[in-house]
N, C-alpha and C. Protein backbone atom coordinates (compact mmCIF):
# COMPACT_ATOMS: atom_id res chain seq x y z
N UNK A 1 84.32 95.39 97.27
CA UNK A 1 83.24 95.55 96.34
C UNK A 1 83.23 96.97 95.76
N UNK A 2 83.33 97.96 96.66
CA UNK A 2 83.33 99.35 96.16
C UNK A 2 84.58 99.63 95.36
N UNK A 3 85.66 98.93 95.68
CA UNK A 3 86.88 99.13 94.90
C UNK A 3 86.70 98.63 93.47
N UNK A 4 86.01 97.49 93.34
CA UNK A 4 85.75 96.97 92.00
C UNK A 4 84.88 97.95 91.21
N UNK A 5 83.88 98.52 91.86
CA UNK A 5 83.03 99.50 91.19
C UNK A 5 83.84 100.72 90.79
N UNK A 6 84.72 101.17 91.68
CA UNK A 6 85.56 102.32 91.38
C UNK A 6 86.49 102.01 90.20
N UNK A 7 87.08 100.83 90.21
CA UNK A 7 87.97 100.45 89.11
C UNK A 7 87.20 100.40 87.78
N UNK A 8 85.98 99.85 87.82
CA UNK A 8 85.18 99.79 86.61
C UNK A 8 84.84 101.19 86.12
N UNK A 9 84.51 102.10 87.05
CA UNK A 9 84.21 103.48 86.66
C UNK A 9 85.43 104.15 86.06
N UNK A 10 86.59 103.95 86.70
CA UNK A 10 87.82 104.55 86.19
C UNK A 10 88.18 103.98 84.83
N UNK A 11 88.01 102.67 84.67
CA UNK A 11 88.32 102.04 83.40
C UNK A 11 87.39 102.54 82.31
N UNK A 12 86.10 102.66 82.62
CA UNK A 12 85.14 103.16 81.64
C UNK A 12 85.46 104.60 81.26
N UNK A 13 85.78 105.43 82.26
CA UNK A 13 86.14 106.82 81.98
C UNK A 13 87.39 106.88 81.12
N UNK A 14 88.37 106.03 81.44
CA UNK A 14 89.61 106.01 80.66
C UNK A 14 89.34 105.56 79.23
N UNK A 15 88.51 104.51 79.08
CA UNK A 15 88.20 104.02 77.74
C UNK A 15 87.49 105.09 76.92
N UNK A 16 86.55 105.79 77.54
CA UNK A 16 85.86 106.86 76.83
C UNK A 16 86.83 107.97 76.44
N UNK A 17 87.73 108.30 77.36
CA UNK A 17 88.73 109.34 77.08
C UNK A 17 89.63 108.89 75.93
N UNK A 18 90.03 107.62 75.97
CA UNK A 18 90.93 107.10 74.94
C UNK A 18 90.26 107.11 73.57
N UNK A 19 89.00 106.72 73.50
CA UNK A 19 88.27 106.74 72.22
C UNK A 19 88.17 108.17 71.71
N UNK A 20 87.81 109.10 72.59
CA UNK A 20 87.71 110.50 72.18
C UNK A 20 89.06 111.03 71.70
N UNK A 21 90.11 110.65 72.40
CA UNK A 21 91.45 111.12 72.06
C UNK A 21 91.90 110.57 70.71
N UNK A 22 91.65 109.29 70.48
CA UNK A 22 92.08 108.68 69.23
C UNK A 22 91.29 109.21 68.04
N UNK A 23 90.08 109.69 68.28
CA UNK A 23 89.29 110.26 67.21
C UNK A 23 89.70 111.68 66.88
N UNK A 24 90.51 112.29 67.74
CA UNK A 24 90.97 113.66 67.52
C UNK A 24 92.30 113.60 66.77
N UNK A 25 92.33 114.03 65.51
CA UNK A 25 93.53 113.85 64.68
C UNK A 25 94.73 114.67 65.13
N UNK A 26 94.53 115.79 65.81
CA UNK A 26 95.69 116.62 66.15
C UNK A 26 96.49 116.08 67.34
N UNK A 27 96.00 115.04 67.99
CA UNK A 27 96.73 114.44 69.11
C UNK A 27 97.47 113.22 68.58
N UNK A 28 98.77 113.19 68.78
CA UNK A 28 99.57 112.09 68.25
C UNK A 28 99.44 110.86 69.15
N UNK A 29 99.80 109.73 68.61
CA UNK A 29 99.75 108.48 69.37
C UNK A 29 100.76 108.52 70.52
N UNK A 30 101.86 109.23 70.35
CA UNK A 30 102.85 109.36 71.42
C UNK A 30 102.24 110.09 72.61
N UNK A 31 101.50 111.16 72.34
CA UNK A 31 100.83 111.88 73.43
C UNK A 31 99.81 110.98 74.12
N UNK A 32 99.10 110.21 73.33
CA UNK A 32 98.09 109.31 73.89
C UNK A 32 98.73 108.27 74.78
N UNK A 33 99.82 107.69 74.33
CA UNK A 33 100.52 106.68 75.12
C UNK A 33 101.09 107.30 76.39
N UNK A 34 101.63 108.49 76.29
CA UNK A 34 102.17 109.16 77.47
C UNK A 34 101.08 109.41 78.49
N UNK A 35 99.92 109.86 78.05
CA UNK A 35 98.82 110.10 78.97
C UNK A 35 98.33 108.80 79.59
N UNK A 36 98.31 107.73 78.82
CA UNK A 36 97.92 106.42 79.33
C UNK A 36 98.92 105.95 80.39
N UNK A 37 100.20 106.18 80.13
CA UNK A 37 101.24 105.82 81.10
C UNK A 37 101.09 106.63 82.38
N UNK A 38 100.78 107.90 82.25
CA UNK A 38 100.60 108.75 83.42
C UNK A 38 99.43 108.25 84.26
N UNK A 39 98.33 107.89 83.61
CA UNK A 39 97.17 107.39 84.32
C UNK A 39 97.49 106.08 85.02
N UNK A 40 98.19 105.20 84.33
CA UNK A 40 98.57 103.91 84.92
C UNK A 40 99.48 104.11 86.13
N UNK A 41 100.41 105.02 86.02
CA UNK A 41 101.32 105.31 87.13
C UNK A 41 100.56 105.87 88.32
N UNK A 42 99.66 106.80 88.05
CA UNK A 42 98.83 107.39 89.11
C UNK A 42 98.00 106.30 89.80
N UNK A 43 97.33 105.46 89.03
CA UNK A 43 96.48 104.42 89.61
C UNK A 43 97.30 103.40 90.39
N UNK A 44 98.49 103.10 89.91
CA UNK A 44 99.36 102.14 90.59
C UNK A 44 99.69 102.63 92.01
N UNK A 45 100.03 103.89 92.13
CA UNK A 45 100.42 104.41 93.44
C UNK A 45 99.21 104.78 94.29
N UNK A 46 98.12 105.15 93.68
CA UNK A 46 96.90 105.42 94.43
C UNK A 46 96.44 104.15 95.14
N UNK A 47 96.59 103.01 94.49
CA UNK A 47 96.20 101.73 95.07
C UNK A 47 97.07 101.35 96.28
N UNK A 48 98.27 101.92 96.36
CA UNK A 48 99.17 101.62 97.48
C UNK A 48 98.82 102.41 98.74
N UNK A 49 98.02 103.47 98.59
CA UNK A 49 97.63 104.26 99.76
C UNK A 49 96.62 103.47 100.58
N UNK A 50 96.52 103.82 101.87
CA UNK A 50 95.53 103.13 102.70
C UNK A 50 94.12 103.56 102.27
N UNK A 51 93.12 102.75 102.57
CA UNK A 51 91.75 103.03 102.10
C UNK A 51 91.21 104.39 102.53
N UNK A 52 91.56 104.83 103.72
CA UNK A 52 91.08 106.13 104.20
C UNK A 52 91.65 107.26 103.35
N UNK A 53 92.93 107.19 103.06
CA UNK A 53 93.57 108.22 102.24
C UNK A 53 93.00 108.22 100.83
N UNK A 54 92.80 107.02 100.28
CA UNK A 54 92.23 106.91 98.94
C UNK A 54 90.83 107.51 98.90
N UNK A 55 90.05 107.22 99.92
CA UNK A 55 88.68 107.73 99.98
C UNK A 55 88.68 109.25 100.08
N UNK A 56 89.58 109.79 100.90
CA UNK A 56 89.67 111.24 101.05
C UNK A 56 89.98 111.90 99.71
N UNK A 57 90.96 111.37 99.00
CA UNK A 57 91.31 111.93 97.69
C UNK A 57 90.19 111.76 96.68
N UNK A 58 89.52 110.62 96.73
CA UNK A 58 88.42 110.39 95.81
C UNK A 58 87.32 111.44 96.02
N UNK A 59 86.97 111.69 97.27
CA UNK A 59 85.94 112.70 97.56
C UNK A 59 86.40 114.09 97.10
N UNK A 60 87.66 114.38 97.31
CA UNK A 60 88.21 115.67 96.89
C UNK A 60 88.15 115.82 95.37
N UNK A 61 88.56 114.77 94.64
CA UNK A 61 88.57 114.81 93.18
C UNK A 61 87.16 114.82 92.60
N UNK A 62 86.20 114.36 93.38
CA UNK A 62 84.79 114.42 92.95
C UNK A 62 84.24 115.84 93.08
N UNK A 63 85.01 116.72 93.70
CA UNK A 63 84.57 118.10 93.82
C UNK A 63 83.86 118.42 95.13
N UNK A 64 83.90 117.50 96.07
CA UNK A 64 83.27 117.74 97.37
C UNK A 64 84.07 118.81 98.11
N UNK A 65 83.38 119.64 98.88
CA UNK A 65 84.10 120.67 99.64
C UNK A 65 84.63 120.06 100.95
N UNK A 66 85.54 120.77 101.58
CA UNK A 66 86.21 120.25 102.78
C UNK A 66 85.22 119.98 103.91
N UNK A 67 84.23 120.81 104.04
CA UNK A 67 83.25 120.63 105.11
C UNK A 67 82.50 119.31 104.92
N UNK A 68 82.10 119.02 103.69
CA UNK A 68 81.40 117.78 103.38
C UNK A 68 82.30 116.57 103.60
N UNK A 69 83.54 116.66 103.14
CA UNK A 69 84.49 115.57 103.31
C UNK A 69 84.75 115.32 104.78
N UNK A 70 84.95 116.39 105.54
CA UNK A 70 85.22 116.27 106.98
C UNK A 70 84.05 115.59 107.68
N UNK A 71 82.86 116.01 107.35
CA UNK A 71 81.67 115.42 107.96
C UNK A 71 81.57 113.94 107.62
N UNK A 72 81.80 113.59 106.38
CA UNK A 72 81.71 112.21 105.92
C UNK A 72 82.78 111.33 106.58
N UNK A 73 83.99 111.87 106.69
CA UNK A 73 85.12 111.10 107.22
C UNK A 73 85.14 111.09 108.76
N UNK A 74 84.41 112.03 109.36
CA UNK A 74 84.40 112.10 110.82
C UNK A 74 85.57 112.88 111.39
N UNK A 75 86.13 113.77 110.61
CA UNK A 75 87.25 114.61 111.03
C UNK A 75 86.79 116.05 111.16
N UNK A 76 87.66 116.87 111.74
CA UNK A 76 87.40 118.30 111.70
C UNK A 76 87.80 118.80 110.32
N UNK A 77 87.31 119.98 109.98
CA UNK A 77 87.62 120.53 108.66
C UNK A 77 89.12 120.83 108.53
N UNK A 78 89.72 121.35 109.58
CA UNK A 78 91.16 121.65 109.55
C UNK A 78 92.00 120.39 109.40
N UNK A 79 91.63 119.34 110.15
CA UNK A 79 92.38 118.09 110.05
C UNK A 79 92.23 117.48 108.67
N UNK A 80 91.04 117.57 108.10
CA UNK A 80 90.80 117.04 106.76
C UNK A 80 91.68 117.74 105.74
N UNK A 81 91.76 119.06 105.85
CA UNK A 81 92.60 119.84 104.93
C UNK A 81 94.07 119.42 105.07
N UNK A 82 94.52 119.27 106.32
CA UNK A 82 95.90 118.88 106.57
C UNK A 82 96.17 117.46 106.06
N UNK A 83 95.25 116.55 106.33
CA UNK A 83 95.43 115.16 105.89
C UNK A 83 95.45 115.08 104.36
N UNK A 84 94.58 115.83 103.68
CA UNK A 84 94.55 115.83 102.21
C UNK A 84 95.91 116.30 101.67
N UNK A 85 96.43 117.36 102.27
CA UNK A 85 97.72 117.89 101.85
C UNK A 85 98.82 116.84 102.03
N UNK A 86 98.84 116.18 103.17
CA UNK A 86 99.87 115.16 103.44
C UNK A 86 99.74 113.97 102.49
N UNK A 87 98.50 113.55 102.23
CA UNK A 87 98.29 112.41 101.33
C UNK A 87 98.72 112.77 99.91
N UNK A 88 98.40 113.98 99.46
CA UNK A 88 98.82 114.40 98.12
C UNK A 88 100.34 114.47 98.03
N UNK A 89 100.99 114.96 99.07
CA UNK A 89 102.46 114.99 99.10
C UNK A 89 103.03 113.58 99.01
N UNK A 90 102.45 112.66 99.78
CA UNK A 90 102.93 111.28 99.80
C UNK A 90 102.74 110.64 98.42
N UNK A 91 101.58 110.84 97.82
CA UNK A 91 101.31 110.28 96.50
C UNK A 91 102.26 110.86 95.46
N UNK A 92 102.49 112.15 95.52
CA UNK A 92 103.41 112.81 94.59
C UNK A 92 104.83 112.24 94.73
N UNK A 93 105.28 112.08 95.98
CA UNK A 93 106.62 111.54 96.23
C UNK A 93 106.73 110.10 95.70
N UNK A 94 105.69 109.30 95.94
CA UNK A 94 105.70 107.92 95.46
C UNK A 94 105.81 107.88 93.94
N UNK A 95 105.06 108.72 93.28
CA UNK A 95 105.07 108.76 91.81
C UNK A 95 106.43 109.24 91.30
N UNK A 96 106.96 110.29 91.91
CA UNK A 96 108.24 110.84 91.44
C UNK A 96 109.41 109.89 91.67
N UNK A 97 109.29 108.99 92.66
CA UNK A 97 110.36 108.03 92.93
C UNK A 97 110.26 106.76 92.08
N UNK A 98 109.22 106.66 91.30
CA UNK A 98 109.02 105.50 90.44
C UNK A 98 109.87 105.66 89.17
N UNK A 99 110.59 104.62 88.76
CA UNK A 99 111.41 104.71 87.53
C UNK A 99 110.57 105.02 86.28
N UNK A 100 109.34 104.57 86.28
CA UNK A 100 108.47 104.84 85.13
C UNK A 100 108.22 106.34 84.98
N UNK A 101 108.20 107.07 86.09
CA UNK A 101 108.02 108.51 86.06
C UNK A 101 109.14 109.18 85.28
N UNK A 102 110.36 108.72 85.51
CA UNK A 102 111.52 109.28 84.80
C UNK A 102 111.41 109.03 83.30
N UNK A 103 110.90 107.88 82.92
CA UNK A 103 110.71 107.57 81.51
C UNK A 103 109.67 108.50 80.88
N UNK A 104 108.58 108.73 81.62
CA UNK A 104 107.50 109.59 81.11
C UNK A 104 107.97 111.03 80.99
N UNK A 105 108.66 111.50 82.00
CA UNK A 105 109.14 112.89 82.00
C UNK A 105 110.16 113.10 80.89
N UNK A 106 110.98 112.08 80.66
CA UNK A 106 112.00 112.18 79.61
C UNK A 106 111.44 112.06 78.21
N UNK A 107 110.20 111.56 78.13
CA UNK A 107 109.60 111.32 76.80
C UNK A 107 109.26 112.58 76.07
């Protein structure tokens, strides 16, 4: 249920961003498509992470501090920092190993 809400929020944010971007004449359609591809690639691999890792990153991207995240997740602050680092590394590796990433980078 919360995943559906998150997806709806992400989709709404993306749609708003896309409308704003398309209304800005100095941004080309190629740039817009590339950014859309990047977002799709990120979301594809974010969905592959386990729910705990996804939640940790979501809290981090919302701007929550480590102390708050640690308290919410039930971890120590040091472990939370370490886990966030490992999850970001894993997500980055997953994205970089995707063939679509090579297409985007080459674009």
